[in-house]
N, C-alpha and C. Protein backbone atom coordinates (compact mmCIF):
# COMPACT_ATOMS: atom_id res chain seq x y z
N UNK A 1 -274.82 -65.69 35.25
CA UNK A 1 -275.94 -65.13 34.49
C UNK A 1 -275.65 -63.69 34.09
N UNK A 2 -275.11 -62.93 35.03
CA UNK A 2 -274.80 -61.53 34.78
C UNK A 2 -273.72 -61.41 33.72
N UNK A 3 -272.71 -62.30 33.78
CA UNK A 3 -271.62 -62.29 32.81
C UNK A 3 -272.15 -62.60 31.41
N UNK A 4 -273.07 -63.54 31.32
CA UNK A 4 -273.66 -63.90 30.03
C UNK A 4 -274.41 -62.71 29.43
N UNK A 5 -275.15 -61.98 30.24
CA UNK A 5 -275.90 -60.82 29.77
C UNK A 5 -274.96 -59.74 29.24
N UNK A 6 -273.86 -59.52 29.95
CA UNK A 6 -272.88 -58.50 29.51
C UNK A 6 -272.26 -58.90 28.18
N UNK A 7 -271.90 -60.19 28.04
CA UNK A 7 -271.31 -60.67 26.79
C UNK A 7 -272.28 -60.49 25.62
N UNK A 8 -273.57 -60.83 25.85
CA UNK A 8 -274.58 -60.68 24.80
C UNK A 8 -274.77 -59.22 24.41
N UNK A 9 -274.74 -58.33 25.42
CA UNK A 9 -274.89 -56.90 25.15
C UNK A 9 -273.72 -56.38 24.31
N UNK A 10 -272.50 -56.81 24.65
CA UNK A 10 -271.31 -56.39 23.90
C UNK A 10 -271.39 -56.89 22.46
N UNK A 11 -271.83 -58.15 22.27
CA UNK A 11 -271.96 -58.70 20.92
C UNK A 11 -273.00 -57.93 20.10
N UNK A 12 -274.10 -57.58 20.75
CA UNK A 12 -275.15 -56.83 20.07
C UNK A 12 -274.66 -55.46 19.63
N UNK A 13 -273.96 -54.76 20.53
CA UNK A 13 -273.43 -53.44 20.19
C UNK A 13 -272.40 -53.53 19.07
N UNK A 14 -271.58 -54.57 19.09
CA UNK A 14 -270.57 -54.76 18.05
C UNK A 14 -271.22 -55.00 16.70
N UNK A 15 -272.29 -55.83 16.69
CA UNK A 15 -273.01 -56.12 15.45
C UNK A 15 -273.64 -54.87 14.87
N UNK A 16 -274.30 -54.09 15.72
CA UNK A 16 -274.93 -52.85 15.26
C UNK A 16 -273.90 -51.87 14.74
N UNK A 17 -272.74 -51.82 15.39
CA UNK A 17 -271.67 -50.93 14.96
C UNK A 17 -271.16 -51.31 13.57
N UNK A 18 -271.01 -52.61 13.33
CA UNK A 18 -270.53 -53.07 12.02
C UNK A 18 -271.55 -52.77 10.93
N UNK A 19 -272.83 -53.00 11.22
CA UNK A 19 -273.88 -52.72 10.24
C UNK A 19 -273.90 -51.24 9.89
N UNK A 20 -273.71 -50.40 10.86
CA UNK A 20 -273.74 -48.95 10.62
C UNK A 20 -272.59 -48.53 9.72
N UNK A 21 -271.42 -49.13 9.92
CA UNK A 21 -270.27 -48.77 9.11
C UNK A 21 -270.43 -49.24 7.67
N UNK A 22 -271.13 -50.39 7.45
CA UNK A 22 -271.28 -50.94 6.12
C UNK A 22 -272.36 -50.24 5.30
N UNK A 23 -273.30 -49.57 5.96
CA UNK A 23 -274.38 -48.92 5.23
C UNK A 23 -273.95 -47.52 4.78
N UNK A 24 -274.61 -47.05 3.72
CA UNK A 24 -274.36 -45.70 3.23
C UNK A 24 -275.22 -44.73 4.02
N UNK A 25 -274.62 -43.72 4.57
CA UNK A 25 -275.37 -42.70 5.29
C UNK A 25 -275.66 -41.55 4.32
N UNK A 26 -276.93 -41.39 3.91
CA UNK A 26 -277.27 -40.41 2.88
C UNK A 26 -276.76 -39.00 3.13
N UNK A 27 -276.74 -38.56 4.36
CA UNK A 27 -276.37 -37.18 4.64
C UNK A 27 -274.85 -36.96 4.58
N UNK A 28 -274.10 -38.05 4.65
CA UNK A 28 -272.65 -37.90 4.77
C UNK A 28 -271.86 -38.48 3.60
N UNK A 29 -272.43 -39.46 2.89
CA UNK A 29 -271.67 -40.18 1.88
C UNK A 29 -272.17 -39.84 0.47
N UNK A 30 -272.08 -38.58 0.10
CA UNK A 30 -272.63 -38.15 -1.18
C UNK A 30 -271.91 -38.82 -2.35
N UNK A 31 -270.62 -39.00 -2.24
CA UNK A 31 -269.86 -39.64 -3.32
C UNK A 31 -270.33 -41.08 -3.55
N UNK A 32 -270.59 -41.81 -2.46
CA UNK A 32 -271.09 -43.18 -2.60
C UNK A 32 -272.50 -43.19 -3.18
N UNK A 33 -273.32 -42.23 -2.79
CA UNK A 33 -274.67 -42.11 -3.35
C UNK A 33 -274.59 -41.79 -4.84
N UNK A 34 -273.64 -40.95 -5.22
CA UNK A 34 -273.43 -40.61 -6.63
C UNK A 34 -273.10 -41.88 -7.42
N UNK A 35 -272.16 -42.65 -6.92
CA UNK A 35 -271.74 -43.86 -7.63
C UNK A 35 -272.87 -44.87 -7.74
N UNK A 36 -273.70 -44.93 -6.73
CA UNK A 36 -274.75 -45.96 -6.72
C UNK A 36 -276.01 -45.55 -7.47
N UNK A 37 -276.38 -44.25 -7.48
CA UNK A 37 -277.68 -43.86 -8.01
C UNK A 37 -277.66 -42.89 -9.18
N UNK A 38 -276.64 -42.07 -9.30
CA UNK A 38 -276.61 -41.03 -10.33
C UNK A 38 -276.69 -41.64 -11.72
N UNK A 39 -277.61 -41.14 -12.57
CA UNK A 39 -277.67 -41.61 -13.94
C UNK A 39 -279.06 -41.66 -14.51
N UNK A 40 -279.16 -42.35 -15.66
CA UNK A 40 -280.43 -42.53 -16.36
C UNK A 40 -280.87 -43.98 -16.24
N UNK A 41 -282.20 -44.16 -16.11
CA UNK A 41 -282.78 -45.48 -15.89
C UNK A 41 -283.82 -45.76 -16.98
N UNK A 42 -283.71 -46.91 -17.64
CA UNK A 42 -284.66 -47.27 -18.69
C UNK A 42 -285.81 -48.09 -18.08
N UNK A 43 -286.93 -48.10 -18.80
CA UNK A 43 -288.11 -48.83 -18.34
C UNK A 43 -287.93 -50.32 -18.60
N UNK A 44 -288.12 -51.13 -17.55
CA UNK A 44 -288.09 -52.58 -17.67
C UNK A 44 -289.50 -53.13 -17.79
N UNK A 45 -290.43 -52.56 -17.01
CA UNK A 45 -291.83 -52.97 -17.08
C UNK A 45 -292.71 -51.82 -16.62
N UNK A 46 -293.96 -51.80 -17.10
CA UNK A 46 -294.95 -50.81 -16.69
C UNK A 46 -296.30 -51.50 -16.66
N UNK A 47 -296.91 -51.54 -15.48
CA UNK A 47 -298.15 -52.29 -15.28
C UNK A 47 -299.21 -51.40 -14.68
N UNK A 48 -300.42 -51.45 -15.21
CA UNK A 48 -301.52 -50.65 -14.68
C UNK A 48 -302.35 -51.48 -13.71
N UNK A 49 -303.05 -50.80 -12.80
CA UNK A 49 -303.83 -51.47 -11.77
C UNK A 49 -305.07 -52.16 -12.32
N UNK A 50 -305.46 -51.82 -13.54
CA UNK A 50 -306.55 -52.50 -14.21
C UNK A 50 -306.22 -52.60 -15.69
N UNK A 51 -306.83 -53.56 -16.35
CA UNK A 51 -306.60 -53.73 -17.79
C UNK A 51 -307.25 -52.59 -18.56
N UNK A 52 -306.52 -52.05 -19.52
CA UNK A 52 -307.03 -50.96 -20.35
C UNK A 52 -306.69 -51.24 -21.81
N UNK A 53 -307.45 -50.62 -22.68
CA UNK A 53 -307.17 -50.70 -24.11
C UNK A 53 -306.73 -49.32 -24.56
N UNK A 54 -305.45 -49.03 -24.38
CA UNK A 54 -304.91 -47.71 -24.71
C UNK A 54 -304.37 -47.63 -26.13
N UNK A 55 -304.26 -48.77 -26.81
CA UNK A 55 -303.83 -48.73 -28.22
C UNK A 55 -305.01 -49.00 -29.16
N UNK A 56 -306.21 -49.14 -28.57
CA UNK A 56 -307.47 -49.19 -29.33
C UNK A 56 -307.54 -50.36 -30.31
N UNK A 57 -306.96 -51.51 -29.92
CA UNK A 57 -307.01 -52.69 -30.79
C UNK A 57 -308.11 -53.66 -30.39
N UNK A 58 -308.92 -53.26 -29.38
CA UNK A 58 -310.00 -54.12 -28.92
C UNK A 58 -309.60 -55.12 -27.86
N UNK A 59 -308.32 -55.12 -27.46
CA UNK A 59 -307.82 -56.06 -26.44
C UNK A 59 -307.28 -55.26 -25.27
N UNK A 60 -307.83 -55.49 -24.08
CA UNK A 60 -307.36 -54.79 -22.88
C UNK A 60 -306.24 -55.56 -22.22
N UNK A 61 -305.31 -54.83 -21.63
CA UNK A 61 -304.17 -55.46 -20.95
C UNK A 61 -303.66 -54.52 -19.87
N UNK A 62 -303.02 -55.08 -18.86
CA UNK A 62 -302.37 -54.26 -17.83
C UNK A 62 -300.90 -54.02 -18.16
N UNK A 63 -300.41 -54.64 -19.23
CA UNK A 63 -299.02 -54.46 -19.68
C UNK A 63 -298.96 -53.21 -20.54
N UNK A 64 -298.51 -52.11 -19.96
CA UNK A 64 -298.51 -50.85 -20.69
C UNK A 64 -297.40 -50.74 -21.74
N UNK A 65 -296.41 -51.60 -21.67
CA UNK A 65 -295.41 -51.60 -22.74
C UNK A 65 -296.04 -52.06 -24.04
N UNK A 66 -297.11 -52.86 -23.95
CA UNK A 66 -297.86 -53.27 -25.14
C UNK A 66 -298.92 -52.23 -25.50
N UNK A 67 -299.58 -51.69 -24.49
CA UNK A 67 -300.69 -50.76 -24.74
C UNK A 67 -300.21 -49.37 -25.17
N UNK A 68 -299.06 -48.94 -24.67
CA UNK A 68 -298.51 -47.63 -25.03
C UNK A 68 -297.12 -47.86 -25.62
N UNK A 69 -297.09 -48.03 -26.94
CA UNK A 69 -295.83 -48.36 -27.61
C UNK A 69 -294.75 -47.31 -27.40
N UNK A 70 -295.17 -46.06 -27.17
CA UNK A 70 -294.20 -44.97 -26.97
C UNK A 70 -293.35 -45.16 -25.72
N UNK A 71 -293.80 -45.98 -24.80
CA UNK A 71 -293.01 -46.25 -23.59
C UNK A 71 -291.69 -46.94 -23.92
N UNK A 72 -291.64 -47.60 -25.09
CA UNK A 72 -290.43 -48.31 -25.49
C UNK A 72 -289.41 -47.39 -26.16
N UNK A 73 -289.78 -46.13 -26.38
CA UNK A 73 -288.84 -45.19 -27.00
C UNK A 73 -287.73 -44.82 -26.02
N UNK A 74 -286.57 -44.51 -26.56
CA UNK A 74 -285.40 -44.19 -25.74
C UNK A 74 -285.63 -42.99 -24.83
N UNK A 75 -286.43 -42.03 -25.30
CA UNK A 75 -286.58 -40.78 -24.56
C UNK A 75 -287.37 -40.87 -23.27
N UNK A 76 -288.04 -42.00 -23.02
CA UNK A 76 -288.85 -42.14 -21.81
C UNK A 76 -288.04 -42.88 -20.75
N UNK A 77 -287.47 -42.13 -19.84
CA UNK A 77 -286.60 -42.72 -18.83
C UNK A 77 -286.72 -41.95 -17.52
N UNK A 78 -286.11 -42.48 -16.51
CA UNK A 78 -286.01 -41.84 -15.21
C UNK A 78 -284.60 -41.28 -15.08
N UNK A 79 -284.51 -40.07 -14.56
CA UNK A 79 -283.21 -39.43 -14.40
C UNK A 79 -283.01 -39.06 -12.93
N UNK A 80 -281.93 -39.54 -12.34
CA UNK A 80 -281.60 -39.21 -10.96
C UNK A 80 -280.24 -38.52 -10.95
N UNK A 81 -280.23 -37.31 -10.40
CA UNK A 81 -278.99 -36.54 -10.33
C UNK A 81 -278.56 -36.38 -8.88
N UNK A 82 -277.34 -36.71 -8.61
CA UNK A 82 -276.74 -36.53 -7.28
C UNK A 82 -275.60 -35.54 -7.45
N UNK A 83 -275.75 -34.36 -6.87
CA UNK A 83 -274.74 -33.31 -7.01
C UNK A 83 -274.19 -32.94 -5.64
N UNK A 84 -272.98 -32.45 -5.64
CA UNK A 84 -272.38 -31.98 -4.40
C UNK A 84 -271.45 -30.81 -4.72
N UNK A 85 -272.05 -29.64 -4.90
CA UNK A 85 -271.25 -28.44 -5.19
C UNK A 85 -270.94 -27.75 -3.86
N UNK A 86 -271.83 -26.89 -3.40
CA UNK A 86 -271.68 -26.31 -2.07
C UNK A 86 -272.36 -27.19 -1.02
N UNK A 87 -273.40 -27.89 -1.45
CA UNK A 87 -274.10 -28.82 -0.57
C UNK A 87 -274.71 -29.91 -1.43
N UNK A 88 -275.13 -31.00 -0.81
CA UNK A 88 -275.73 -32.11 -1.54
C UNK A 88 -277.07 -31.70 -2.12
N UNK A 89 -277.26 -31.98 -3.42
CA UNK A 89 -278.53 -31.70 -4.10
C UNK A 89 -278.94 -32.95 -4.84
N UNK A 90 -280.19 -33.38 -4.63
CA UNK A 90 -280.72 -34.57 -5.28
C UNK A 90 -281.90 -34.16 -6.16
N UNK A 91 -281.83 -34.46 -7.47
CA UNK A 91 -282.87 -34.08 -8.42
C UNK A 91 -283.42 -35.32 -9.11
N UNK A 92 -284.74 -35.34 -9.30
CA UNK A 92 -285.45 -36.51 -9.82
C UNK A 92 -286.38 -36.07 -10.95
N UNK A 93 -286.26 -36.71 -12.13
CA UNK A 93 -287.16 -36.41 -13.25
C UNK A 93 -287.59 -37.71 -13.90
N UNK A 94 -288.91 -37.91 -14.01
CA UNK A 94 -289.47 -39.07 -14.70
C UNK A 94 -290.08 -38.58 -16.01
N UNK A 95 -289.47 -38.95 -17.13
CA UNK A 95 -290.03 -38.60 -18.44
C UNK A 95 -291.08 -39.64 -18.81
N UNK A 96 -292.20 -39.16 -19.35
CA UNK A 96 -293.33 -40.05 -19.63
C UNK A 96 -294.06 -39.56 -20.88
N UNK A 97 -294.57 -40.48 -21.72
CA UNK A 97 -295.30 -40.06 -22.92
C UNK A 97 -296.72 -39.61 -22.56
N UNK A 98 -296.90 -38.32 -22.41
CA UNK A 98 -298.22 -37.78 -22.06
C UNK A 98 -299.14 -37.80 -23.28
N UNK A 99 -300.40 -38.18 -23.05
CA UNK A 99 -301.38 -38.26 -24.14
C UNK A 99 -301.98 -36.89 -24.46
N UNK A 100 -302.17 -36.64 -25.73
CA UNK A 100 -302.91 -35.47 -26.20
C UNK A 100 -303.92 -35.96 -27.24
N UNK A 101 -305.19 -35.70 -26.99
CA UNK A 101 -306.26 -36.22 -27.84
C UNK A 101 -306.84 -35.07 -28.67
N UNK A 102 -306.90 -35.28 -29.96
CA UNK A 102 -307.46 -34.31 -30.88
C UNK A 102 -308.86 -34.77 -31.29
N UNK A 103 -309.87 -33.99 -30.90
CA UNK A 103 -311.26 -34.32 -31.26
C UNK A 103 -311.73 -33.52 -32.46
N UNK A 104 -310.97 -32.51 -32.85
CA UNK A 104 -311.28 -31.66 -34.00
C UNK A 104 -312.61 -30.93 -33.83
N UNK A 105 -312.94 -30.64 -32.57
CA UNK A 105 -314.19 -29.92 -32.30
C UNK A 105 -313.97 -28.62 -31.53
N UNK A 106 -312.75 -28.37 -31.12
CA UNK A 106 -312.50 -27.17 -30.32
C UNK A 106 -311.05 -26.77 -30.40
N UNK A 107 -310.44 -26.50 -29.22
CA UNK A 107 -309.03 -26.10 -29.20
C UNK A 107 -308.17 -27.27 -29.64
N UNK A 108 -306.92 -27.01 -29.85
CA UNK A 108 -306.04 -28.03 -30.42
C UNK A 108 -304.78 -28.21 -29.56
N UNK A 109 -304.60 -29.32 -28.83
CA UNK A 109 -305.52 -30.46 -28.72
C UNK A 109 -306.67 -30.16 -27.78
N UNK A 110 -307.69 -31.02 -27.81
CA UNK A 110 -308.92 -30.75 -27.07
C UNK A 110 -308.90 -31.32 -25.65
N UNK A 111 -308.28 -32.47 -25.44
CA UNK A 111 -308.33 -33.11 -24.13
C UNK A 111 -307.15 -32.67 -23.28
N UNK A 112 -307.45 -32.14 -22.09
CA UNK A 112 -306.40 -31.58 -21.22
C UNK A 112 -305.87 -32.57 -20.20
N UNK A 113 -306.35 -33.80 -20.25
CA UNK A 113 -305.87 -34.81 -19.32
C UNK A 113 -306.70 -34.92 -18.07
N UNK A 114 -307.52 -33.93 -17.78
CA UNK A 114 -308.30 -33.94 -16.54
C UNK A 114 -309.77 -34.29 -16.77
N UNK A 115 -310.35 -33.79 -17.85
CA UNK A 115 -311.78 -34.00 -18.10
C UNK A 115 -312.06 -35.43 -18.54
N UNK A 116 -313.31 -35.84 -18.36
CA UNK A 116 -313.73 -37.13 -18.90
C UNK A 116 -313.91 -37.00 -20.40
N UNK A 117 -313.75 -38.09 -21.11
CA UNK A 117 -313.88 -38.07 -22.56
C UNK A 117 -314.23 -39.47 -23.03
N UNK A 118 -315.34 -39.60 -23.72
CA UNK A 118 -315.74 -40.90 -24.25
C UNK A 118 -314.93 -41.24 -25.49
N UNK A 119 -314.75 -42.52 -25.72
CA UNK A 119 -313.98 -42.96 -26.89
C UNK A 119 -314.74 -42.66 -28.17
N UNK A 120 -314.01 -42.18 -29.17
CA UNK A 120 -314.55 -41.94 -30.49
C UNK A 120 -313.46 -42.30 -31.49
N UNK A 121 -313.77 -43.20 -32.40
CA UNK A 121 -312.74 -43.65 -33.35
C UNK A 121 -312.25 -42.55 -34.28
N UNK A 122 -312.97 -41.43 -34.33
CA UNK A 122 -312.54 -40.31 -35.17
C UNK A 122 -311.48 -39.45 -34.49
N UNK A 123 -311.37 -39.59 -33.17
CA UNK A 123 -310.35 -38.82 -32.46
C UNK A 123 -308.97 -39.41 -32.74
N UNK A 124 -307.95 -38.57 -32.68
CA UNK A 124 -306.58 -39.07 -32.83
C UNK A 124 -305.79 -38.78 -31.56
N UNK A 125 -304.93 -39.72 -31.21
CA UNK A 125 -304.14 -39.62 -29.98
C UNK A 125 -302.67 -39.46 -30.34
N UNK A 126 -302.04 -38.48 -29.73
CA UNK A 126 -300.62 -38.24 -29.94
C UNK A 126 -299.93 -38.24 -28.57
N UNK A 127 -298.64 -38.55 -28.57
CA UNK A 127 -297.88 -38.60 -27.33
C UNK A 127 -296.73 -37.61 -27.38
N UNK A 128 -296.46 -37.01 -26.25
CA UNK A 128 -295.36 -36.06 -26.14
C UNK A 128 -294.55 -36.41 -24.88
N UNK A 129 -293.29 -36.70 -25.07
CA UNK A 129 -292.43 -37.06 -23.94
C UNK A 129 -292.20 -35.83 -23.08
N UNK A 130 -292.65 -35.90 -21.83
CA UNK A 130 -292.54 -34.76 -20.93
C UNK A 130 -292.19 -35.21 -19.52
N UNK A 131 -291.66 -34.29 -18.74
CA UNK A 131 -291.33 -34.60 -17.36
C UNK A 131 -291.12 -33.33 -16.57
N UNK A 132 -291.21 -33.43 -15.27
CA UNK A 132 -291.00 -32.28 -14.40
C UNK A 132 -290.00 -32.68 -13.32
N UNK A 133 -289.10 -31.76 -13.00
CA UNK A 133 -288.07 -32.06 -12.01
C UNK A 133 -288.55 -31.86 -10.58
N UNK A 134 -288.09 -32.72 -9.69
CA UNK A 134 -288.41 -32.64 -8.27
C UNK A 134 -287.13 -32.83 -7.46
N UNK A 135 -287.07 -32.18 -6.33
CA UNK A 135 -286.01 -32.48 -5.37
C UNK A 135 -286.42 -33.70 -4.55
N UNK A 136 -285.44 -34.41 -4.02
CA UNK A 136 -285.77 -35.59 -3.23
C UNK A 136 -284.69 -35.83 -2.18
N UNK A 137 -284.99 -36.74 -1.29
CA UNK A 137 -284.02 -37.19 -0.30
C UNK A 137 -284.10 -38.71 -0.22
N UNK A 138 -283.12 -39.32 0.42
CA UNK A 138 -283.12 -40.76 0.60
C UNK A 138 -283.61 -41.10 2.01
N UNK A 139 -284.36 -42.19 2.12
CA UNK A 139 -284.68 -42.72 3.43
C UNK A 139 -283.38 -43.16 4.10
N UNK A 140 -283.35 -43.14 5.42
CA UNK A 140 -282.11 -43.46 6.14
C UNK A 140 -281.59 -44.86 5.82
N UNK A 141 -282.50 -45.80 5.55
CA UNK A 141 -282.06 -47.17 5.26
C UNK A 141 -281.91 -47.41 3.75
N UNK A 142 -282.03 -46.35 2.95
CA UNK A 142 -281.89 -46.42 1.49
C UNK A 142 -282.89 -47.37 0.85
N UNK A 143 -284.05 -47.53 1.46
CA UNK A 143 -285.09 -48.37 0.86
C UNK A 143 -286.03 -47.57 -0.02
N UNK A 144 -285.99 -46.25 0.11
CA UNK A 144 -286.98 -45.43 -0.56
C UNK A 144 -286.40 -44.06 -0.94
N UNK A 145 -286.91 -43.52 -2.04
CA UNK A 145 -286.61 -42.15 -2.45
C UNK A 145 -287.82 -41.31 -2.06
N UNK A 146 -287.61 -40.28 -1.29
CA UNK A 146 -288.70 -39.44 -0.80
C UNK A 146 -288.71 -38.17 -1.64
N UNK A 147 -289.73 -38.05 -2.50
CA UNK A 147 -289.80 -36.94 -3.46
C UNK A 147 -290.54 -35.77 -2.84
N UNK A 148 -289.96 -34.59 -2.94
CA UNK A 148 -290.56 -33.38 -2.38
C UNK A 148 -291.64 -32.86 -3.32
N UNK A 149 -292.84 -32.60 -2.83
CA UNK A 149 -293.89 -32.05 -3.69
C UNK A 149 -293.48 -30.71 -4.28
N UNK A 150 -293.97 -30.45 -5.49
CA UNK A 150 -293.71 -29.19 -6.18
C UNK A 150 -295.05 -28.49 -6.38
N UNK A 151 -295.26 -27.38 -5.69
CA UNK A 151 -296.55 -26.69 -5.73
C UNK A 151 -296.88 -26.16 -7.13
N UNK A 152 -295.88 -25.96 -7.96
CA UNK A 152 -296.11 -25.43 -9.30
C UNK A 152 -296.32 -26.53 -10.33
N UNK A 153 -296.28 -27.79 -9.90
CA UNK A 153 -296.43 -28.90 -10.83
C UNK A 153 -297.85 -28.96 -11.38
N UNK A 154 -297.98 -29.48 -12.59
CA UNK A 154 -299.28 -29.66 -13.22
C UNK A 154 -300.08 -30.70 -12.43
N UNK A 155 -301.37 -30.50 -12.20
CA UNK A 155 -302.14 -31.43 -11.37
C UNK A 155 -302.40 -32.78 -12.02
N UNK A 156 -302.25 -32.89 -13.35
CA UNK A 156 -302.57 -34.14 -14.04
C UNK A 156 -301.38 -34.70 -14.81
N UNK A 157 -300.65 -33.86 -15.49
CA UNK A 157 -299.54 -34.34 -16.32
C UNK A 157 -298.22 -34.29 -15.55
N UNK A 158 -297.28 -35.16 -15.98
CA UNK A 158 -295.93 -35.29 -15.37
C UNK A 158 -296.00 -35.16 -13.85
N UNK A 159 -296.87 -35.97 -13.27
CA UNK A 159 -297.14 -35.88 -11.83
C UNK A 159 -296.03 -36.54 -10.99
N UNK A 160 -295.95 -36.10 -9.76
CA UNK A 160 -295.02 -36.69 -8.80
C UNK A 160 -295.46 -38.11 -8.48
N UNK A 161 -294.54 -39.07 -8.47
CA UNK A 161 -294.91 -40.44 -8.12
C UNK A 161 -295.52 -40.53 -6.72
N UNK A 162 -296.43 -41.47 -6.56
CA UNK A 162 -297.00 -41.75 -5.24
C UNK A 162 -295.93 -42.35 -4.32
N UNK A 163 -295.05 -43.16 -4.90
CA UNK A 163 -293.96 -43.76 -4.12
C UNK A 163 -292.81 -44.12 -5.04
N UNK A 164 -291.62 -44.23 -4.46
CA UNK A 164 -290.42 -44.60 -5.22
C UNK A 164 -289.54 -45.46 -4.32
N UNK A 165 -289.48 -46.75 -4.62
CA UNK A 165 -288.72 -47.69 -3.80
C UNK A 165 -287.49 -48.20 -4.54
N UNK A 166 -286.43 -48.41 -3.79
CA UNK A 166 -285.19 -48.95 -4.35
C UNK A 166 -285.29 -50.46 -4.27
N UNK A 167 -285.46 -51.10 -5.43
CA UNK A 167 -285.67 -52.55 -5.48
C UNK A 167 -284.36 -53.32 -5.35
N UNK A 168 -283.35 -52.87 -6.05
CA UNK A 168 -282.05 -53.53 -6.04
C UNK A 168 -281.02 -52.46 -6.36
N UNK A 169 -279.79 -52.87 -6.52
CA UNK A 169 -278.72 -51.88 -6.69
C UNK A 169 -279.00 -50.90 -7.82
N UNK A 170 -279.49 -51.38 -8.96
CA UNK A 170 -279.70 -50.51 -10.10
C UNK A 170 -281.15 -50.45 -10.55
N UNK A 171 -282.10 -50.81 -9.68
CA UNK A 171 -283.51 -50.78 -10.06
C UNK A 171 -284.34 -49.94 -9.08
N UNK A 172 -285.27 -49.19 -9.67
CA UNK A 172 -286.17 -48.33 -8.90
C UNK A 172 -287.61 -48.69 -9.29
N UNK A 173 -288.50 -48.82 -8.29
CA UNK A 173 -289.92 -49.10 -8.55
C UNK A 173 -290.75 -47.88 -8.20
N UNK A 174 -291.44 -47.33 -9.21
CA UNK A 174 -292.28 -46.15 -9.01
C UNK A 174 -293.75 -46.53 -9.15
N UNK A 175 -294.61 -45.86 -8.38
CA UNK A 175 -296.04 -45.94 -8.60
C UNK A 175 -296.56 -44.53 -8.85
N UNK A 176 -297.33 -44.39 -9.93
CA UNK A 176 -297.92 -43.11 -10.32
C UNK A 176 -299.42 -43.27 -10.51
N UNK A 177 -300.16 -42.26 -10.14
CA UNK A 177 -301.58 -42.22 -10.46
C UNK A 177 -301.70 -41.38 -11.73
N UNK A 178 -302.25 -41.99 -12.79
CA UNK A 178 -302.36 -41.30 -14.07
C UNK A 178 -303.74 -41.50 -14.69
N UNK A 179 -304.13 -40.55 -15.53
CA UNK A 179 -305.37 -40.64 -16.29
C UNK A 179 -305.03 -40.99 -17.73
N UNK A 180 -305.65 -42.05 -18.24
CA UNK A 180 -305.39 -42.51 -19.60
C UNK A 180 -306.67 -42.46 -20.42
N UNK A 181 -306.53 -41.98 -21.64
CA UNK A 181 -307.63 -42.06 -22.60
C UNK A 181 -307.55 -43.43 -23.27
N UNK A 182 -308.61 -44.22 -23.15
CA UNK A 182 -308.62 -45.59 -23.64
C UNK A 182 -309.89 -45.84 -24.46
N UNK A 183 -310.03 -47.05 -24.95
CA UNK A 183 -311.24 -47.40 -25.70
C UNK A 183 -312.45 -47.44 -24.77
N UNK A 184 -312.20 -47.54 -23.46
CA UNK A 184 -313.29 -47.49 -22.48
C UNK A 184 -313.52 -46.08 -21.98
N UNK A 185 -312.93 -45.10 -22.63
CA UNK A 185 -313.00 -43.72 -22.16
C UNK A 185 -311.81 -43.40 -21.27
N UNK A 186 -311.90 -42.33 -20.49
CA UNK A 186 -310.81 -41.94 -19.61
C UNK A 186 -310.84 -42.80 -18.35
N UNK A 187 -309.69 -43.37 -18.00
CA UNK A 187 -309.57 -44.21 -16.81
C UNK A 187 -308.43 -43.67 -15.94
N UNK A 188 -308.67 -43.59 -14.65
CA UNK A 188 -307.61 -43.24 -13.70
C UNK A 188 -307.06 -44.53 -13.12
N UNK A 189 -305.79 -44.78 -13.31
CA UNK A 189 -305.17 -46.03 -12.89
C UNK A 189 -303.89 -45.75 -12.11
N UNK A 190 -303.49 -46.73 -11.33
CA UNK A 190 -302.17 -46.71 -10.67
C UNK A 190 -301.21 -47.48 -11.57
N UNK A 191 -300.12 -46.85 -11.94
CA UNK A 191 -299.13 -47.48 -12.81
C UNK A 191 -297.86 -47.76 -12.01
N UNK A 192 -297.44 -49.01 -12.03
CA UNK A 192 -296.19 -49.41 -11.39
C UNK A 192 -295.14 -49.62 -12.47
N UNK A 193 -294.07 -48.86 -12.38
CA UNK A 193 -293.01 -48.91 -13.40
C UNK A 193 -291.69 -49.29 -12.75
N UNK A 194 -291.03 -50.27 -13.33
CA UNK A 194 -289.69 -50.67 -12.87
C UNK A 194 -288.66 -50.08 -13.83
N UNK A 195 -287.68 -49.39 -13.26
CA UNK A 195 -286.60 -48.79 -14.04
C UNK A 195 -285.27 -49.43 -13.64
N UNK A 196 -284.37 -49.51 -14.62
CA UNK A 196 -283.02 -50.03 -14.35
C UNK A 196 -281.99 -49.08 -14.94
N UNK A 197 -280.98 -48.75 -14.16
CA UNK A 197 -279.97 -47.79 -14.62
C UNK A 197 -279.17 -48.39 -15.79
N UNK A 198 -279.03 -47.57 -16.86
CA UNK A 198 -278.26 -48.03 -18.01
C UNK A 198 -277.03 -47.15 -18.26
N UNK A 199 -276.96 -46.00 -17.62
CA UNK A 199 -275.77 -45.17 -17.74
C UNK A 199 -275.68 -44.23 -16.54
N UNK A 200 -274.47 -43.90 -16.16
CA UNK A 200 -274.25 -42.90 -15.11
C UNK A 200 -273.83 -41.57 -15.71
N UNK A 201 -273.74 -41.53 -17.04
CA UNK A 201 -273.35 -40.30 -17.73
C UNK A 201 -274.61 -39.48 -18.02
N UNK A 202 -274.51 -38.16 -17.82
CA UNK A 202 -275.66 -37.27 -18.04
C UNK A 202 -275.34 -36.24 -19.11
């Protein structure tokens, strides 16, 4: 019985040792992290937590690629930079088409993204591709990207994602809380966006 326990313990330690060698250790394997994650990621899907009518056609949907046509533009992507100059540096930027609503009643544009605003067919909506950079780290098991808060970031626009999970080798799943001007007025929704790397060149 004692011999069996020792053999099982040795096998367990050997298995754990092999798994550790096969995994990427974020703090030590910067070159491997560069090869696996560094680059630009295009949007594969974007889904809101509730159906909205953001293109004002009278039909609500949770598919934001249909509701916000600007999401299909090339300029809206996720950028992950893995650098190793004097030390490892990880930078994260999510570019997103931020809404600007012109009501023609005050400043230009009038809606700042934070206030409530009822729908009016006379208002015009414009989009501007914007993003803010954040530092980040990897979870030890490489299941998640942990984004460091930026105290100088805008409270409503180009916000830090609520979470960032590594779905597969070249896919990242982000969740963001955003305010959208829709035909139902301003709605705060959770948006889940799947990105897939299309280039490692920056």
